[in-house]
Amino acid sequence: MIAQDATAAATALLNQLQLGPPTRIDSLAGGRNNRTFRVAGPQGEWLLKQYYRDPHGGRDRCASEWAWTTFCWQRGITWTPQPLACDANRQCALYEFILGRHLQRQEIAEGHVEQAAAFIEEVNRHRHDAAAGALSDAAEACFSWAAHLDCVDRRMHRLESIPVRDPLDAQMLRWLQGELRPRWNAISAELSRSVADDELSRPLPAGLRCLSPSDFGFHNALVTSSGRLRFVDFEYAGWDDPAKLICDFYWQQELPAPRSTQPQLVAALAEGVAGRALEARVVRLFPVHGVKWCCLLLNEFLAEHRQRREFARPAADAIDRRAEQLALAQQLLADVRAAGGLT
C-alpha cells in the first residue's frame, strides 16, 4: 500500500509539472515523522515527501514546509531544496533531490556553523516582507519568558502521565520524578525569580522575533561535493524567539554543534535581528531548553510519537528504543547541570 500510494502521488505531481510518469521510486531510510522517496524519471530525479497527518489535528507539516521553502526560493535563498509541486489533499510534495551526504559528528567545524549562520541571516533579511507575515509561528514558538517555561512544563506533564505498561516505563518515571523533575523545578524557579513579575508574561516585541527553521541543526543538513551545506526539513519552521533557535541548535543531540561556536551564532542573530539583549536571553534560557531536550529524548515513551514513527518507518517500529533514549536523557541531564551559559 505504501508503494502504491507513493507511485500515485509521484505520478500526479510529475504530471502537474509535465515531466511524465516516474520510472523508479525508492524508499529512503532515516525519516522520523514522514516518508521520503527518491523518484526517477526521463527528465531527472526528485524527492517525494509524504507527510504524517495527525489524526487529532495539530500542525499541517506539509503546508508549513511548502510555505517556508517557497518563501525562500522566491527570494533567491537556495539553502533549502527547491519546492516543485504540492498536493495538499494527499499531504505530499515534490522537491529538488539534493546530491549530498550527512556530516559526521567528528567533522563538524566552525565553517559549518558559519554556513548555518549565513542561512539564518539571509532568511531574516526578508522578515519584513509582506509574505513573511503570512508564515505561521514555528512549532512550540515561545514569545515570552513564561511561554518558554510552559513549553517544558507541558512536555514534563505529558511524560509524567504515561500509563505504566512494563518495568521500563516504571524505571523512566522513577528517574523523571527523582532526578529530572527536581532539576526542572529548580531551573524554572530560578528563571522566575530572575525576571520581574510584570516581565514574565510580557510578549517579545515583534521586531525582536525571527524566522526560524526550527528543528535546526546539522542532523538536517546535507554537504554537497563543493562543501556547501543544504538544509532540509522545515515542517516546524516559522516565527519564533531567536534565543530558542540558538538553544535548540546547540542542545539537539543527533549531530550537536561545537559549544565553542555558540557566541558566533549569537552574534549573527544579534546583529541582524535581536539586538544586544539576545546573549543574556540565551544564557537564561539555555538550561530551560536543555531540560526540554531531555524530554524530547524520552518521546519514545509516548504513544503519539510511536504512531509517527510507525507511519515513517513501519518495518523498524518493532525496535524498542526506550532504554537507549532513557540512557541518553540521563547523560544529557548531567550536561544540563554542567552548562552555565555560552561556554
Protein backbone atom coordinates (compact mmCIF):
# COMPACT_ATOMS: atom_id res chain seq x y z
CA MET A 1 0.00 0.00 0.00
CA ILE A 2 2.85 2.41 0.81
CA ALA A 3 4.48 1.77 -2.59
CA GLN A 4 1.13 2.20 -4.38
CA ASP A 5 0.43 5.46 -2.55
CA ALA A 6 3.89 6.80 -3.36
CA THR A 7 3.57 5.88 -7.03
CA ALA A 8 0.17 7.54 -7.30
CA ALA A 9 1.40 10.69 -5.57
CA ALA A 10 4.60 10.91 -7.63
CA THR A 11 2.68 10.38 -10.87
CA ALA A 12 0.17 13.12 -10.03
CA LEU A 13 2.86 15.63 -9.03
CA LEU A 14 5.05 14.94 -12.04
CA ASN A 15 2.01 15.34 -14.26
CA GLN A 16 1.46 18.80 -12.74
CA LEU A 17 4.96 19.67 -13.89
CA GLN A 18 4.51 17.96 -17.28
CA LEU A 19 7.52 15.75 -16.55
CA GLY A 20 5.91 12.43 -17.42
CA PRO A 21 5.41 9.35 -15.23
CA PRO A 22 8.06 8.11 -12.79
CA THR A 23 10.25 5.24 -13.94
CA ARG A 24 11.60 4.30 -10.49
CA ILE A 25 10.67 5.06 -6.88
CA ASP A 26 12.96 4.08 -4.00
CA SER A 27 12.09 4.48 -0.34
CA LEU A 28 14.73 6.40 1.63
CA ALA A 29 15.75 5.49 5.16
CA GLY A 30 16.01 7.93 8.03
CA GLY A 31 12.62 9.68 8.07
CA ARG A 32 11.30 10.04 11.62
CA ASN A 33 7.91 11.60 11.03
CA ASN A 34 7.36 11.32 7.29
CA ARG A 35 8.02 9.00 4.37
CA THR A 36 10.56 10.05 1.76
CA PHE A 37 11.24 8.61 -1.67
CA ARG A 38 13.77 9.14 -4.43
CA VAL A 39 11.79 9.46 -7.65
CA ALA A 40 13.42 8.99 -11.06
CA GLY A 41 12.02 9.84 -14.48
CA PRO A 42 13.22 10.53 -18.02
CA GLN A 43 13.90 14.18 -17.13
CA GLY A 44 15.65 13.83 -13.79
CA GLU A 45 15.35 12.85 -10.14
CA TRP A 46 13.29 14.35 -7.36
CA LEU A 47 12.45 13.88 -3.69
CA LEU A 48 8.89 12.91 -2.81
CA LYS A 49 7.76 13.56 0.73
CA GLN A 50 4.60 12.04 2.27
CA TYR A 51 3.74 13.84 5.50
CA TYR A 52 2.28 12.34 8.63
CA ARG A 53 -1.27 13.56 9.19
CA ASP A 54 -2.07 13.84 12.89
CA PRO A 55 -5.45 12.16 13.49
CA HIS A 56 -6.11 14.68 16.28
CA GLY A 57 -5.44 17.72 14.09
CA GLY A 58 -2.45 19.78 15.00
CA ARG A 59 0.24 21.13 12.72
CA ASP A 60 -0.07 20.81 8.96
CA ARG A 61 3.50 19.70 8.27
CA CYS A 62 3.05 19.69 4.50
CA ALA A 63 1.74 23.26 4.39
CA SER A 64 4.41 24.54 6.78
CA GLU A 65 7.35 23.13 4.84
CA TRP A 66 5.89 24.14 1.48
CA ALA A 67 5.30 27.72 2.66
CA TRP A 68 8.81 28.03 4.12
CA THR A 69 10.69 26.65 1.11
CA THR A 70 8.53 28.65 -1.31
CA PHE A 71 9.21 31.84 0.67
CA CYS A 72 12.96 31.14 0.47
CA TRP A 73 13.14 30.29 -3.22
CA GLN A 74 11.00 33.24 -4.27
CA ARG A 75 13.70 35.43 -2.70
CA GLY A 76 16.65 33.60 -4.21
CA ILE A 77 17.54 31.77 -0.98
CA THR A 78 18.76 28.40 -2.21
CA TRP A 79 19.97 26.80 1.01
CA THR A 80 16.78 24.70 1.02
CA PRO A 81 15.56 22.14 -1.52
CA GLN A 82 13.64 23.80 -4.34
CA PRO A 83 9.88 23.22 -3.96
CA LEU A 84 8.38 21.92 -7.19
CA ALA A 85 4.81 20.69 -6.69
CA CYS A 86 2.44 20.09 -3.79
CA ASP A 87 -0.74 18.06 -3.27
CA ALA A 88 -2.37 19.17 -0.02
CA ASN A 89 -5.10 16.53 -0.22
CA ARG A 90 -2.55 13.71 -0.36
CA GLN A 91 -0.25 15.54 2.08
CA CYS A 92 2.59 15.12 -0.42
CA ALA A 93 5.14 17.43 -2.03
CA LEU A 94 7.85 17.09 -4.63
CA TYR A 95 11.22 18.77 -4.10
CA GLU A 96 14.62 19.01 -5.71
CA PHE A 97 16.69 15.92 -4.98
CA ILE A 98 19.93 17.09 -3.36
CA LEU A 99 23.03 15.01 -4.03
CA GLY A 100 24.89 15.16 -0.76
CA ARG A 101 25.81 13.30 2.37
CA HIS A 102 25.23 13.72 6.08
CA LEU A 103 28.05 15.18 8.13
CA GLN A 104 29.87 13.01 10.62
CA ARG A 105 29.96 14.14 14.23
CA GLN A 106 33.75 14.43 14.31
CA GLU A 107 33.98 16.65 11.21
CA ILE A 108 31.60 19.42 12.29
CA ALA A 109 33.66 22.60 12.43
CA GLU A 110 33.42 26.37 12.70
CA GLY A 111 32.98 26.72 8.94
CA HIS A 112 29.79 24.68 9.07
CA VAL A 113 28.40 26.94 11.80
CA GLU A 114 29.31 29.95 9.63
CA GLN A 115 27.16 28.48 6.84
CA ALA A 116 24.28 27.84 9.23
CA ALA A 117 24.51 31.44 10.46
CA ALA A 118 24.63 32.73 6.87
CA PHE A 119 21.40 30.85 6.07
CA ILE A 120 19.62 32.31 9.10
CA GLU A 121 20.87 35.81 8.34
CA GLU A 122 19.80 35.59 4.69
CA VAL A 123 16.28 34.42 5.53
CA ASN A 124 15.83 37.12 8.15
CA ARG A 125 16.87 39.89 5.80
CA HIS A 126 13.40 39.30 4.33
CA ARG A 127 11.46 39.10 7.60
CA HIS A 128 9.82 42.48 6.95
CA ASP A 129 8.46 41.36 3.57
CA ALA A 130 4.68 41.22 3.39
CA ALA A 131 4.85 37.49 2.61
CA ALA A 132 6.80 36.84 5.81
CA GLY A 133 3.79 37.95 7.81
CA ALA A 134 1.77 35.13 6.28
CA LEU A 135 4.17 32.48 7.56
CA SER A 136 2.92 30.63 10.63
CA ASP A 137 4.56 30.56 14.02
CA ALA A 138 7.13 27.83 14.49
CA ALA A 139 6.12 24.67 16.32
CA GLU A 140 6.14 25.39 20.07
CA ALA A 141 7.03 29.02 19.40
CA CYS A 142 7.83 30.93 22.59
CA PHE A 143 7.26 34.68 22.73
CA SER A 144 7.63 35.33 26.46
CA TRP A 145 9.65 34.03 29.39
CA ALA A 146 6.51 32.29 30.65
CA ALA A 147 5.96 30.61 27.27
CA HIS A 148 9.42 29.03 27.43
CA LEU A 149 8.61 27.62 30.87
CA ASP A 150 5.16 26.45 29.78
CA CYS A 151 6.68 24.64 26.79
CA VAL A 152 8.81 22.47 29.07
CA ASP A 153 6.06 22.08 31.67
CA ARG A 154 3.75 20.60 29.04
CA ARG A 155 6.35 18.06 27.99
CA MET A 156 7.09 17.13 31.59
CA HIS A 157 3.40 16.61 32.40
CA ARG A 158 2.88 14.53 29.26
CA LEU A 159 5.67 12.16 30.27
CA GLU A 160 4.50 12.02 33.88
CA SER A 161 1.05 10.97 32.66
CA ILE A 162 2.02 7.92 30.60
CA PRO A 163 0.38 4.61 31.55
CA VAL A 164 2.89 2.18 33.05
CA ARG A 165 2.93 -0.78 30.69
CA ASP A 166 6.11 -2.52 31.80
CA PRO A 167 9.19 -2.18 34.08
CA LEU A 168 10.93 0.17 31.63
CA ASP A 169 8.08 2.67 31.80
CA ALA A 170 8.28 2.46 35.59
CA GLN A 171 12.05 2.96 35.51
CA MET A 172 11.72 6.07 33.35
CA LEU A 173 9.08 7.54 35.66
CA ARG A 174 11.21 6.93 38.74
CA TRP A 175 14.13 8.73 37.15
CA LEU A 176 11.93 11.55 35.88
CA GLN A 177 10.34 12.11 39.28
CA GLY A 178 13.55 11.64 41.24
CA GLU A 179 16.06 13.46 39.01
CA LEU A 180 14.59 15.39 36.09
CA ARG A 181 11.57 16.88 37.86
CA PRO A 182 13.57 18.31 40.81
CA ARG A 183 16.14 19.77 38.43
CA TRP A 184 13.41 21.31 36.29
CA ASN A 185 11.66 22.78 39.32
CA ALA A 186 14.91 24.45 40.37
CA ILE A 187 15.64 25.85 36.88
CA SER A 188 12.07 27.11 36.47
CA ALA A 189 12.09 28.76 39.89
CA GLU A 190 15.45 30.42 39.23
CA LEU A 191 14.29 31.92 35.94
CA SER A 192 11.03 33.12 37.51
CA ARG A 193 12.98 34.80 40.33
CA SER A 194 15.38 36.48 37.90
CA VAL A 195 12.61 38.10 35.84
CA ALA A 196 10.35 40.83 37.18
CA ASP A 197 6.74 39.74 37.64
CA ASP A 198 5.48 42.22 35.05
CA GLU A 199 8.02 40.91 32.51
CA LEU A 200 7.37 37.19 32.85
CA SER A 201 4.37 37.15 30.51
CA ARG A 202 5.25 40.26 28.52
CA PRO A 203 5.37 39.35 24.79
CA LEU A 204 8.68 39.58 22.98
CA PRO A 205 8.31 42.59 20.63
CA ALA A 206 7.59 41.61 17.05
CA GLY A 207 10.75 43.36 15.90
CA LEU A 208 12.88 41.02 18.01
CA ARG A 209 11.35 37.81 16.67
CA CYS A 210 12.97 35.84 13.88
CA LEU A 211 12.11 33.47 11.07
CA SER A 212 13.33 30.15 12.40
CA PRO A 213 13.78 26.86 10.50
CA SER A 214 13.05 25.15 13.82
CA ASP A 215 14.45 21.65 14.41
CA PHE A 216 17.56 23.37 13.04
CA GLY A 217 20.91 21.63 13.15
CA PHE A 218 23.39 19.54 11.25
CA HIS A 219 21.15 16.47 11.57
CA ASN A 220 19.01 18.28 8.98
CA ALA A 221 21.83 19.25 6.65
CA LEU A 222 23.50 17.68 3.63
CA VAL A 223 27.00 18.59 2.47
CA THR A 224 27.46 18.67 -1.29
CA SER A 225 30.61 17.81 -3.24
CA SER A 226 31.59 21.51 -3.19
CA GLY A 227 31.45 21.59 0.61
CA ARG A 228 28.33 23.74 0.65
CA LEU A 229 25.61 22.80 3.12
CA ARG A 230 21.97 22.47 2.10
CA PHE A 231 19.39 22.43 4.88
CA VAL A 232 16.27 20.22 4.86
CA ASP A 233 13.11 19.52 6.89
CA PHE A 234 11.13 22.67 7.60
CA GLU A 235 7.79 21.26 8.70
CA TYR A 236 8.12 23.03 12.07
CA ALA A 237 9.50 26.31 10.68
CA GLY A 238 8.05 29.77 11.30
CA TRP A 239 8.25 32.76 13.62
CA ASP A 240 9.99 32.23 16.95
CA ASP A 241 12.26 33.67 19.62
CA PRO A 242 15.84 33.72 18.27
CA ALA A 243 17.07 32.65 21.72
CA LYS A 244 15.10 29.43 21.38
CA LEU A 245 16.56 28.81 17.92
CA ILE A 246 20.07 29.09 19.36
CA CYS A 247 19.35 26.92 22.41
CA ASP A 248 17.85 24.18 20.22
CA PHE A 249 20.71 24.37 17.73
CA TYR A 250 23.22 23.53 20.46
CA TRP A 251 21.13 21.13 22.56
CA GLN A 252 19.92 18.86 19.74
CA GLN A 253 21.63 15.55 20.26
CA GLU A 254 21.91 13.83 16.89
CA LEU A 255 24.75 15.94 15.46
CA PRO A 256 25.48 18.68 18.01
CA ALA A 257 27.45 21.76 17.02
CA PRO A 258 30.62 22.55 18.99
CA ARG A 259 29.56 24.60 22.01
CA SER A 260 32.59 26.84 21.48
CA THR A 261 30.91 28.28 18.37
CA GLN A 262 27.80 29.44 20.22
CA PRO A 263 28.88 33.10 20.50
CA GLN A 264 29.30 33.12 16.73
CA LEU A 265 25.66 32.25 16.09
CA VAL A 266 24.51 34.62 18.84
CA ALA A 267 26.47 37.46 17.24
CA ALA A 268 24.98 36.75 13.80
CA LEU A 269 21.41 36.88 15.10
CA ALA A 270 22.05 39.79 17.47
CA GLU A 271 23.38 41.94 14.65
CA GLY A 272 20.67 41.17 12.14
CA VAL A 273 17.59 40.59 14.29
CA ALA A 274 17.53 40.56 18.05
CA GLY A 275 19.93 43.20 19.31
CA ARG A 276 22.42 43.09 22.15
CA ALA A 277 19.99 41.65 24.69
CA LEU A 278 20.00 38.31 22.86
CA GLU A 279 23.09 36.95 24.58
CA ALA A 280 21.59 37.49 28.04
CA ARG A 281 18.36 35.79 26.98
CA VAL A 282 20.28 32.77 25.70
CA VAL A 283 22.20 32.47 28.98
CA ARG A 284 18.95 32.44 30.98
CA LEU A 285 17.11 30.09 28.63
CA PHE A 286 19.89 27.64 27.89
CA PRO A 287 19.23 25.29 30.84
CA VAL A 288 15.47 25.58 30.26
CA HIS A 289 15.79 24.11 26.80
CA GLY A 290 18.37 21.61 27.99
CA VAL A 291 15.63 20.07 30.14
CA LYS A 292 13.26 20.25 27.17
CA TRP A 293 15.71 18.17 25.16
CA CYS A 294 15.82 15.60 27.96
CA CYS A 295 12.05 15.34 27.50
CA LEU A 296 12.39 15.11 23.71
CA LEU A 297 14.74 12.16 24.09
CA LEU A 298 12.01 10.43 26.10
CA ASN A 299 9.42 10.80 23.33
CA GLU A 300 9.79 7.07 22.66
CA PHE A 301 7.65 6.51 25.76
CA LEU A 302 4.71 8.46 24.25
CA ALA A 303 2.03 6.74 22.18
CA GLU A 304 1.65 9.60 19.68
CA HIS A 305 5.38 9.54 19.00
CA ARG A 306 5.29 5.82 18.27
CA GLN A 307 2.42 6.42 15.84
CA ARG A 308 4.52 8.90 13.83
CA ARG A 309 7.45 6.50 13.78
CA GLU A 310 5.19 3.68 12.62
CA PHE A 311 3.98 5.88 9.75
CA ALA A 312 7.51 6.88 8.71
CA ARG A 313 9.27 3.55 9.23
CA PRO A 314 6.79 0.71 9.71
CA ALA A 315 9.44 -2.00 9.32
CA ALA A 316 11.50 -0.53 12.16
CA ASP A 317 8.61 0.09 14.54
CA ALA A 318 9.17 -3.18 16.41
CA ILE A 319 12.57 -1.95 17.64
CA ASP A 320 12.20 -0.72 21.21
CA ARG A 321 14.46 2.29 21.70
CA ARG A 322 13.18 3.33 25.10
CA ALA A 323 16.15 2.05 27.14
CA GLU A 324 18.63 3.71 24.78
CA GLN A 325 16.76 7.01 24.88
CA LEU A 326 16.49 6.94 28.67
CA ALA A 327 20.25 6.49 28.95
CA LEU A 328 20.80 9.42 26.59
CA ALA A 329 18.41 11.61 28.60
CA GLN A 330 20.28 10.74 31.80
CA GLN A 331 23.58 11.78 30.23
CA LEU A 332 22.07 14.96 28.86
CA LEU A 333 20.79 15.94 32.30
CA ALA A 334 24.38 15.74 33.53
CA ASP A 335 25.33 18.14 30.72
CA VAL A 336 22.49 20.48 31.72
CA ARG A 337 23.84 20.58 35.27
CA ALA A 338 27.28 21.45 33.95
CA ALA A 339 26.09 24.09 31.45
CA GLY A 340 26.39 27.61 32.70
CA GLY A 341 25.92 29.71 29.57
CA LEU A 342 27.96 30.48 26.49
CA THR A 343 30.85 28.10 27.21
